Amino acid sequence: MKVRALRILVLGLLLASGHALAQAAPAPLPAWEQLTPQQREALITPVRDRWNREPDQRDRMLERAQRWQAMTPEQRAQAHHGMKRFEDMNPDQRREARALYGHMKALTPERRDALREQWKKMTPAQREAWMRENAPPRDRDRDRDRLQDR
């Protein structure tokens, strides 16, 4: 009898907590057309500020926006996943990712697969040497300047 009462109590608590969580879920936000002018302005302001603050980046910003518009929903989901993974990386991992991405985007799918397999077999020292040799120009210039400052 005690076991049955305990099971009923646990089940009741689980159902109550699930019901509370379901009620706590926020309502979906409206479509753009239903946003207030203040909500629209809050969304646009950071982009406008960056556009005005970084005129040398405008071509890049516009190109990215156009590329985003051309993506399928699946491609956008993949891009979001990649951005999240990149945000979670430490600086060294980001440097590796930039070097690999910059190099791999020019390769054929077969050569990409071969490089992936080669990368898995490399020691940390070999990876570091590969990154120095294949770093994107921006990273290569920064590393060169850092070495000259020593």
Foldseek 3Di string as FASTA:
>chain_A
DVVVVVVVVVVVVVVVVVVVVVVPDDDDDDDPVPDDPVVVCVVCVVVVVCCVVCVVCVVVVVVVVVVVVVDDPVVVVVVVVVVVVLVPDDPVVVQLVQLLVVVVVPDDPVVNVVVVVVVVPDDPVVSVVSCQVRGDPVVVVVVVVVVVVD
